[in-house]
Protein backbone atom coordinates (compact mmCIF):
# COMPACT_ATOMS: atom_id res chain seq x y z
CA MET A 1 0.00 0.00 0.00
CA ARG A 2 1.43 3.36 -1.01
CA LEU A 3 0.20 6.56 0.67
CA GLY A 4 0.83 10.03 -0.75
CA ILE A 5 0.71 13.37 1.10
CA LEU A 6 -0.51 16.07 -1.25
CA ARG A 7 0.86 19.55 -1.73
CA GLU A 8 -2.07 21.91 -1.11
CA THR A 9 -3.34 23.49 -4.32
CA LYS A 10 -6.20 25.69 -3.13
CA THR A 11 -5.63 29.47 -3.26
CA PRO A 12 -4.61 30.92 -0.90
CA PRO A 13 -2.55 27.83 -0.02
CA ASP A 14 -3.15 26.16 3.31
CA LYS A 15 -0.07 25.42 5.41
CA ARG A 16 -1.57 22.44 7.27
CA VAL A 17 -0.71 18.79 6.60
CA PRO A 18 -2.45 15.50 7.41
CA PHE A 19 0.71 14.16 9.09
CA THR A 20 3.80 15.75 10.57
CA PRO A 21 7.24 14.38 9.60
CA ARG A 22 7.51 12.48 12.87
CA GLN A 23 4.04 10.99 12.42
CA CYS A 24 5.01 9.82 8.92
CA ARG A 25 8.02 8.04 10.39
CA SER A 26 5.81 6.47 13.05
CA LEU A 27 3.40 5.19 10.39
CA LEU A 28 6.22 3.52 8.47
CA GLU A 29 7.47 1.87 11.65
CA GLN A 30 4.00 0.65 12.60
CA TYR A 31 2.91 -0.68 9.18
CA GLU A 32 5.61 -2.71 7.45
CA HIS A 33 3.62 -3.00 4.22
CA LEU A 34 3.18 0.79 3.92
CA GLU A 35 5.19 3.07 1.63
CA LEU A 36 4.87 6.83 1.91
CA LEU A 37 5.57 9.72 -0.47
CA VAL A 38 5.29 13.46 0.23
CA GLN A 39 4.91 16.07 -2.50
CA PRO A 40 7.44 18.88 -1.98
CA SER A 41 5.99 22.22 -0.90
CA SER A 42 7.53 25.64 -0.32
CA TYR A 43 4.67 26.86 1.91
CA ARG A 44 3.82 23.86 4.09
CA CYS A 45 4.23 24.49 7.83
CA TYR A 46 6.69 21.58 8.00
CA SER A 47 9.54 22.01 5.54
CA ASP A 48 10.70 19.45 3.02
CA ASP A 49 13.93 19.16 5.00
CA GLU A 50 11.98 18.23 8.13
CA TYR A 51 10.44 15.31 6.22
CA ARG A 52 13.80 14.29 4.78
CA ALA A 53 15.30 14.34 8.28
CA GLU A 54 12.80 11.65 9.27
CA GLY A 55 13.73 9.54 6.23
CA ILE A 56 10.52 10.32 4.31
CA ALA A 57 10.74 10.19 0.51
CA LEU A 58 9.64 13.27 -1.46
CA SER A 59 8.33 13.21 -5.01
CA ASP A 60 6.29 15.51 -7.25
CA ASP A 61 4.82 12.45 -8.94
CA LEU A 62 2.26 10.64 -6.73
CA GLY A 63 0.81 8.62 -9.60
CA SER A 64 2.00 5.36 -8.04
CA CYS A 65 0.11 5.98 -4.78
CA ASP A 66 -3.08 4.13 -3.88
CA ILE A 67 -4.31 6.69 -1.32
CA LEU A 68 -3.78 10.46 -1.53
CA MET A 69 -4.33 12.67 1.52
CA GLY A 70 -4.49 16.46 1.76
CA VAL A 71 -6.38 19.03 3.80
CA LYS A 72 -8.38 21.38 1.55
CA GLU A 73 -10.02 20.87 -1.84
CA VAL A 74 -7.78 19.68 -4.68
CA LYS A 75 -7.62 21.62 -7.95
CA LEU A 76 -9.44 19.85 -10.76
CA ASN A 77 -6.39 19.49 -12.99
CA ALA A 78 -4.39 17.97 -10.12
CA LEU A 79 -6.84 15.11 -9.49
CA ILE A 80 -5.52 11.69 -10.54
CA GLY A 81 -8.12 9.23 -11.78
CA ARG A 82 -9.10 6.02 -10.00
CA LYS A 83 -7.37 6.90 -6.73
CA THR A 84 -8.72 7.17 -3.20
CA TYR A 85 -8.58 10.77 -1.93
CA LEU A 86 -9.11 12.10 1.58
CA PHE A 87 -9.66 15.84 2.07
CA PHE A 88 -12.33 18.33 3.14
CA SER A 89 -14.34 18.54 -0.09
CA HIS A 90 -17.17 20.89 1.00
CA THR A 91 -19.58 19.23 -1.40
CA ALA A 92 -21.99 17.22 0.79
CA LYS A 93 -24.04 20.32 1.66
CA LYS A 94 -24.42 21.16 -2.04
CA GLN A 95 -21.94 24.02 -1.94
CA PRO A 96 -22.30 25.58 -5.40
CA TYR A 97 -18.65 26.63 -5.62
CA ASN A 98 -17.51 22.98 -5.49
CA ARG A 99 -20.01 21.39 -7.86
CA GLU A 100 -17.34 21.09 -10.58
CA LEU A 101 -15.02 19.40 -8.10
CA LEU A 102 -17.55 16.65 -7.41
CA GLN A 103 -18.29 16.31 -11.12
CA GLU A 104 -14.59 15.81 -11.83
CA VAL A 105 -14.28 13.29 -8.99
CA VAL A 106 -17.09 11.24 -10.49
CA ARG A 107 -15.77 11.60 -14.04
CA LYS A 108 -12.32 10.36 -12.98
CA GLU A 109 -13.80 7.46 -10.97
CA ILE A 110 -12.20 8.68 -7.74
CA GLN A 111 -13.20 7.42 -4.31
CA LEU A 112 -13.70 10.65 -2.35
CA VAL A 113 -13.50 10.22 1.42
CA ASP A 114 -14.47 13.45 3.19
CA TYR A 115 -12.87 13.99 6.61
CA GLU A 116 -16.00 15.74 7.84
CA TYR A 117 -18.00 12.51 7.60
CA LEU A 118 -15.54 10.11 9.20
CA THR A 119 -17.54 8.98 12.23
CA ASP A 120 -17.61 6.16 14.74
CA GLU A 121 -20.53 3.77 15.17
CA LYS A 122 -22.33 6.38 17.29
CA GLY A 123 -22.06 9.02 14.59
CA ILE A 124 -19.39 11.04 16.42
CA ARG A 125 -16.74 12.66 14.22
CA VAL A 126 -13.28 11.20 14.77
CA VAL A 127 -11.11 13.88 13.10
CA ALA A 128 -11.60 17.64 13.15
CA PHE A 129 -9.78 20.95 13.47
CA GLY A 130 -12.50 22.44 15.68
CA ARG A 131 -10.41 22.96 18.79
CA TRP A 132 -7.92 25.04 16.84
CA ALA A 133 -10.62 27.16 15.26
CA GLY A 134 -11.76 27.97 18.80
CA VAL A 135 -8.25 28.70 20.04
CA VAL A 136 -7.37 31.05 17.20
CA GLY A 137 -10.83 32.62 17.00
CA ALA A 138 -10.83 33.58 20.68
CA TYR A 139 -7.26 34.85 20.41
CA ASN A 140 -8.31 37.00 17.44
CA ALA A 141 -11.19 38.38 19.51
CA LEU A 142 -8.77 39.47 22.23
CA ARG A 143 -6.40 40.89 19.63
CA ALA A 144 -9.25 42.90 18.08
CA TYR A 145 -10.21 44.30 21.49
CA GLY A 146 -6.60 45.36 22.04
CA LEU A 147 -6.50 47.13 18.68
CA LYS A 148 -9.90 48.76 19.20
CA SER A 149 -9.19 49.98 22.73
CA ALA A 150 -5.45 50.62 22.25
CA ALA A 151 -5.02 48.88 25.62
CA PHE A 152 -2.51 46.28 24.36
CA SER A 153 -1.15 44.78 21.15
CA LEU A 154 -0.95 41.08 20.29
CA LYS A 155 0.94 39.75 17.31
CA PRO A 156 -1.23 37.93 14.76
CA ALA A 157 -1.73 34.27 15.57
CA SER A 158 -0.27 33.39 12.19
CA ASP A 159 2.99 35.06 13.27
CA CYS A 160 3.24 32.80 16.33
CA PHE A 161 5.45 29.76 15.78
CA ASP A 162 3.15 27.52 17.79
CA LEU A 163 0.58 27.42 20.61
CA GLU A 164 3.24 27.99 23.26
CA GLU A 165 4.19 31.34 21.73
CA LEU A 166 0.52 32.31 21.37
CA LEU A 167 -0.09 31.59 25.05
CA GLN A 168 2.89 33.76 25.97
CA GLU A 169 1.31 36.64 24.05
CA LEU A 170 -1.79 36.38 26.27
CA LYS A 171 0.22 37.78 29.19
CA LYS A 172 -0.25 41.20 27.56
CA VAL A 173 -4.06 41.01 27.68
CA GLU A 174 -5.93 43.55 29.81
CA MET A 175 -9.65 43.42 29.12
CA GLY A 176 -10.84 45.84 31.79
CA SER A 177 -14.43 44.99 32.70
CA ASN A 178 -15.33 43.54 29.28
CA ARG A 179 -18.20 41.03 29.29
CA ILE A 180 -17.77 38.13 26.87
CA LEU A 181 -20.33 35.61 25.60
CA VAL A 182 -19.36 32.25 24.11
CA THR A 183 -21.99 30.07 22.41
CA GLY A 184 -21.59 26.34 21.77
CA GLY A 185 -20.49 23.26 23.65
CA GLY A 186 -18.25 21.30 21.28
CA ARG A 187 -14.58 21.28 20.31
CA VAL A 188 -14.69 24.84 18.98
CA ALA A 189 -16.09 26.30 22.20
CA GLY A 190 -13.62 24.23 24.19
CA GLY A 191 -10.72 25.79 22.31
CA ALA A 192 -12.11 29.28 22.86
CA LEU A 193 -12.45 28.66 26.59
CA GLU A 194 -8.83 27.49 26.74
CA VAL A 195 -7.68 30.89 25.51
CA LEU A 196 -10.00 32.97 27.69
CA GLU A 197 -8.91 31.06 30.78
CA ALA A 198 -5.24 31.35 29.80
CA ALA A 199 -5.77 35.12 29.49
CA GLY A 200 -6.94 35.20 33.12
CA ILE A 201 -10.57 36.04 32.36
CA LEU A 202 -13.08 34.82 34.94
CA GLN A 203 -15.79 32.38 33.90
CA VAL A 204 -19.23 32.84 35.47
CA GLU A 205 -22.49 30.95 35.14
CA PRO A 206 -25.06 32.28 32.64
CA GLU A 207 -27.37 33.33 35.49
CA GLU A 208 -24.56 35.37 37.08
CA PHE A 209 -23.80 36.93 33.72
CA LEU A 210 -27.37 38.18 33.47
CA SER A 211 -27.76 39.44 37.02
CA GLY A 212 -24.30 40.22 38.36
CA ASN A 213 -22.04 43.24 38.16
CA PHE A 214 -18.28 42.72 38.04
CA ASP A 215 -15.31 45.03 38.21
CA ARG A 216 -13.18 42.74 36.04
CA ALA A 217 -13.47 40.98 32.68
CA ILE A 218 -15.75 37.93 32.69
CA PHE A 219 -17.13 35.39 30.25
CA THR A 220 -19.88 32.83 30.19
CA ARG A 221 -20.73 29.96 27.84
CA LEU A 222 -24.24 29.39 26.54
CA ASP A 223 -25.83 26.16 25.34
CA PRO A 224 -28.84 26.04 22.97
CA TRP A 225 -31.25 25.91 25.92
CA HIS A 226 -29.95 29.31 27.00
CA TYR A 227 -30.31 31.10 23.68
CA THR A 228 -33.42 29.36 22.31
CA ARG A 229 -36.76 28.24 23.75
CA ARG A 230 -39.74 26.28 22.48
CA LYS A 231 -42.45 28.39 20.89
CA ASP A 232 -45.17 26.41 22.67
CA GLY A 233 -43.65 27.04 26.10
CA SER A 234 -42.72 23.39 26.70
CA ALA A 235 -39.47 22.44 28.40
CA PHE A 236 -36.37 22.48 26.22
CA ASP A 237 -35.40 19.08 24.83
CA PHE A 238 -32.08 18.92 22.99
CA ASN A 239 -32.94 15.96 20.77
CA HIS A 240 -36.23 17.63 19.84
CA PHE A 241 -34.36 20.85 19.09
CA MET A 242 -31.94 19.04 16.77
CA LYS A 243 -34.81 17.42 14.88
CA HIS A 244 -37.21 20.39 14.86
CA PRO A 245 -35.24 23.66 15.17
CA GLU A 246 -38.07 25.51 13.44
CA LEU A 247 -40.24 25.01 16.55
CA TYR A 248 -37.91 27.20 18.64
CA GLU A 249 -37.50 30.95 19.03
CA ASN A 250 -34.76 33.33 20.06
CA SER A 251 -34.02 33.85 23.79
CA PHE A 252 -30.52 35.27 23.22
CA LEU A 253 -31.26 38.97 23.48
CA PRO A 254 -31.22 39.22 27.30
CA TYR A 255 -27.63 37.95 27.21
CA ALA A 256 -26.73 40.21 24.29
CA ALA A 257 -28.02 43.17 26.30
CA ARG A 258 -25.21 42.55 28.81
CA CYS A 259 -22.50 41.60 26.35
CA ASP A 260 -19.57 43.59 24.96
CA THR A 261 -17.85 40.79 23.03
CA PHE A 262 -19.55 37.80 21.39
CA ILE A 263 -17.51 34.72 20.41
CA ALA A 264 -19.76 32.46 18.31
CA CYS A 265 -18.77 28.79 18.38
CA HIS A 266 -22.17 27.17 17.92
CA PHE A 267 -23.53 24.95 15.16
CA TRP A 268 -26.46 26.64 13.44
CA ASP A 269 -29.21 25.04 11.39
CA PRO A 270 -30.84 27.41 8.86
CA ALA A 271 -34.21 26.44 10.34
CA SER A 272 -33.10 27.64 13.79
CA PRO A 273 -34.06 31.11 15.03
CA LEU A 274 -31.81 34.07 14.31
CA MET A 275 -29.64 35.20 17.20
CA LEU A 276 -28.86 38.81 16.27
CA SER A 277 -31.04 40.11 13.45
CA ARG A 278 -30.29 43.34 11.63
CA ASP A 279 -33.20 44.98 13.44
CA ALA A 280 -31.87 43.87 16.83
CA LEU A 281 -28.44 45.32 16.06
CA ALA A 282 -29.94 48.54 14.66
CA GLY A 283 -32.12 49.13 17.71
CA GLY A 284 -29.38 50.88 19.66
CA SER A 285 -30.04 49.00 22.89
CA LEU A 286 -27.21 46.46 22.69
CA PRO A 287 -23.73 47.31 24.00
CA LEU A 288 -22.12 44.79 21.63
CA SER A 289 -18.98 46.17 20.03
CA LEU A 290 -17.09 43.07 18.87
CA VAL A 291 -18.18 39.80 17.25
CA ALA A 292 -15.74 36.95 16.66
CA ASP A 293 -17.88 34.67 14.49
CA ILE A 294 -15.93 31.43 14.45
CA SER A 295 -18.97 29.60 13.07
CA CYS A 296 -18.96 32.09 10.17
CA ASP A 297 -22.44 31.52 8.75
CA ILE A 298 -22.81 34.19 6.06
CA ASP A 299 -26.32 35.67 6.03
CA GLY A 300 -27.00 33.44 9.01
CA PRO A 301 -27.94 33.95 12.66
CA ILE A 302 -25.68 36.98 13.22
CA ALA A 303 -26.49 39.89 10.90
CA SER A 304 -23.07 41.51 11.28
CA THR A 305 -21.39 38.54 9.57
CA ILE A 306 -21.84 39.79 6.04
CA ARG A 307 -18.79 38.06 4.60
CA ALA A 308 -15.86 35.88 5.58
CA SER A 309 -12.61 37.64 6.39
CA THR A 310 -9.09 36.36 5.82
CA ILE A 311 -6.01 35.49 7.82
CA ALA A 312 -4.22 38.41 6.15
CA SER A 313 -7.09 40.83 6.88
CA PRO A 314 -9.15 39.33 9.72
CA PHE A 315 -11.28 42.29 10.80
CA TYR A 316 -13.93 44.49 9.25
CA GLY A 317 -16.57 46.84 10.64
CA TYR A 318 -20.35 46.60 10.56
CA ASP A 319 -22.46 49.71 10.92
CA PRO A 320 -25.59 48.62 12.81
CA ALA A 321 -27.52 51.66 11.58
CA THR A 322 -27.01 50.96 7.88
CA GLY A 323 -26.08 47.28 7.77
CA GLN A 324 -23.05 48.20 5.66
CA GLU A 325 -19.39 47.28 5.97
CA THR A 326 -17.01 49.92 7.34
CA PRO A 327 -13.36 50.07 8.40
CA PRO A 328 -12.98 47.71 11.40
CA PHE A 329 -12.34 50.18 14.19
CA ASP A 330 -14.47 53.19 13.30
CA LYS A 331 -16.38 54.76 16.17
CA GLY A 332 -19.81 53.28 16.75
CA VAL A 333 -19.36 50.19 14.54
CA ILE A 334 -19.25 46.54 15.51
CA THR A 335 -15.85 45.02 14.82
CA VAL A 336 -16.25 41.63 13.13
CA MET A 337 -13.78 38.75 12.92
CA ALA A 338 -15.07 36.05 10.55
CA VAL A 339 -12.03 34.14 9.29
CA ASP A 340 -13.27 30.83 7.88
CA ASN A 341 -9.98 28.88 8.04
CA LEU A 342 -8.78 29.76 11.52
CA PRO A 343 -6.79 26.55 12.23
CA GLY A 344 -4.49 27.58 9.39
CA GLU A 345 -3.08 30.28 11.68
CA LEU A 346 -1.52 27.66 14.00
CA PRO A 347 -0.77 25.02 11.38
CA ARG A 348 1.96 23.06 13.18
CA ASP A 349 -0.09 22.37 16.31
CA ALA A 350 -3.33 21.87 14.38
CA SER A 351 -1.67 19.41 11.99
CA ALA A 352 -0.10 17.39 14.81
CA ASP A 353 -3.43 17.10 16.59
CA PHE A 354 -5.26 16.16 13.38
CA GLY A 355 -2.61 13.61 12.42
CA SER A 356 -2.83 11.92 15.82
CA ALA A 357 -6.58 11.48 15.39
CA LEU A 358 -6.08 10.09 11.88
CA MET A 359 -3.48 7.60 13.11
CA GLU A 360 -5.69 6.38 15.94
CA ASN A 361 -9.04 6.23 14.15
CA VAL A 362 -8.69 6.24 10.38
CA ILE A 363 -5.40 4.75 9.23
CA PRO A 364 -6.24 1.28 10.65
CA GLU A 365 -9.44 1.37 8.57
CA LEU A 366 -7.64 2.49 5.40
CA LEU A 367 -4.89 -0.09 5.74
CA GLY A 368 -7.16 -3.02 6.54
CA ALA A 369 -6.29 -3.47 10.20
CA ARG A 370 -9.98 -3.11 11.04
CA ASP A 371 -13.24 -2.36 9.26
CA SER A 372 -16.08 -0.60 11.09
CA GLY A 373 -17.57 0.85 7.91
CA MET A 374 -16.10 4.26 8.73
CA VAL A 375 -14.45 4.81 5.35
CA GLU A 376 -17.56 3.64 3.49
CA ARG A 377 -19.76 6.05 5.52
CA ALA A 378 -17.50 8.97 4.58
CA SER A 379 -17.15 8.07 0.88
CA ILE A 380 -19.20 10.56 -1.12
CA ALA A 381 -18.37 9.03 -4.48
CA ALA A 382 -16.66 5.90 -5.78
CA ALA A 383 -16.25 4.02 -9.08
CA GLY A 384 -17.75 6.83 -11.14
CA GLU A 385 -20.93 7.46 -9.17
CA LEU A 386 -22.31 8.79 -5.90
CA THR A 387 -22.45 6.25 -3.09
CA PRO A 388 -25.95 5.34 -1.82
CA ARG A 389 -25.59 7.43 1.36
CA TYR A 390 -24.91 10.56 -0.72
CA ASN A 391 -27.33 9.90 -3.56
CA TYR A 392 -29.29 12.99 -2.43
CA LEU A 393 -26.58 14.98 -4.24
CA SER A 394 -27.73 13.69 -7.66
CA ASP A 395 -29.49 16.90 -8.74
CA TYR A 396 -26.62 19.01 -7.38
CA LEU A 397 -24.11 16.88 -9.27
CA ALA A 398 -26.14 17.18 -12.48
CA GLY A 399 -26.42 20.97 -12.10
CA ARG A 400 -30.18 20.93 -11.61
CA GLU A 401 -30.00 22.68 -8.21
C-alpha cells in the first residue's frame, strides 16, 4: 500500500498537513507493508527538509500511490483518476462553488472520502480541526479588542510559531471589565475557553452573567437551551431541538443586552431562530462592540457577519444603523472577525493534533487493520458514481440545483 501526502493546491494555499514528519516516520514503523511519499511544498508548515530528516521520501509524482491525503479541496487538474482521496471537499451540503469538483471526482472514478463525515458507530466525528478554530478565533477576539481599545497589542496568531508562543502573548491582555459571551459546547467552544482562561478572564455561570455586576473581565458559555426556547412554552429538549429547530425561538437577546464581546462557536441550522437580526443590532439597545464569528455563517444567525474575512485581513466593521461594511475600528461600529480557516493560523499544532486522530481512528481502517464501515460512511463518491448514502446529491451533481 502506497500513501501520498498532497501539496495543497487551493488558493490561498493552506499550510496544514495530514501528518507531521515524525508521524510519517511512526506510520512507516508501525505498518511494514506501507510506503509513503510526500509532494514537496515551499509553503507547508513543516519544511521538506523536516520530512527528509525523518527519512521520508519526497516526489512531485504521486501517480504510483493508492491513497492520496491532503487538507483542503484539490484543484481539478491535479486530481488523478481512479485513486482514493481524503480531504475536506465541502460538497456534501451542495456548496455551489464545489459542484465542478464533485463532477470531476465522479468523471475520474475517484473514491472521495471526506474527513468531515468520518464517524464512529455512534455518529461522532473522529477527526476535526475544531479545537484550533476555537483557540485562534478567541485569540483574534482578544487581539481585536486590544486594537480597538489601544489597551494592548498582540501579534497575529499566524505570526506565532506555535501554541506555546501564542499563550505567551496572552500575558499582555488587559480586558478591563469587558463582558464576553461564548456560544456552543463542542470542540470549537472548548478551544475558545482554553484561551480565555489562559488570558486570566473569569468564567461565570449564565445566570450570574445576566444578574451580576463585576469590576473585572468575565465570560460565560451558553448552550442552545440558553439562547433558544420552544415556541409552545414546553421544556427544552435537545434531541427535539436538533430534529425540529423551526419550533424554537430566540431567547438570546437578554444575554446580548449585557455583552460587549460575542464569540460564536455554535452549530447553526438554517431552520433555527436568528440570534442577532439586523433589526436587533440597529435598535441601539445592545452594548455589543465586537463579534468573533468562528462559526462564520454568512447571512446566518448573526447579521453583522456579512462576509468571511481572511487570515491576512481578519477584521472588518459593521455599521448597525445601515447594515453596511465599514473600516474595522471606526467609532460606533461593531468590529467583526469572521475568518473561515482559523486553524491555518496555527498550522503546526493543528496538523499534529489532526494527524494523531487520523493515526488512531482512520489509518487502521484504510490499511485493513480493522473495518467498522467508517471509510464507506465517509465516501461521497466511488467508481464513477455517488455512493448510496450521498445519492441525495444527484441533482446538485447534475447541475439541476
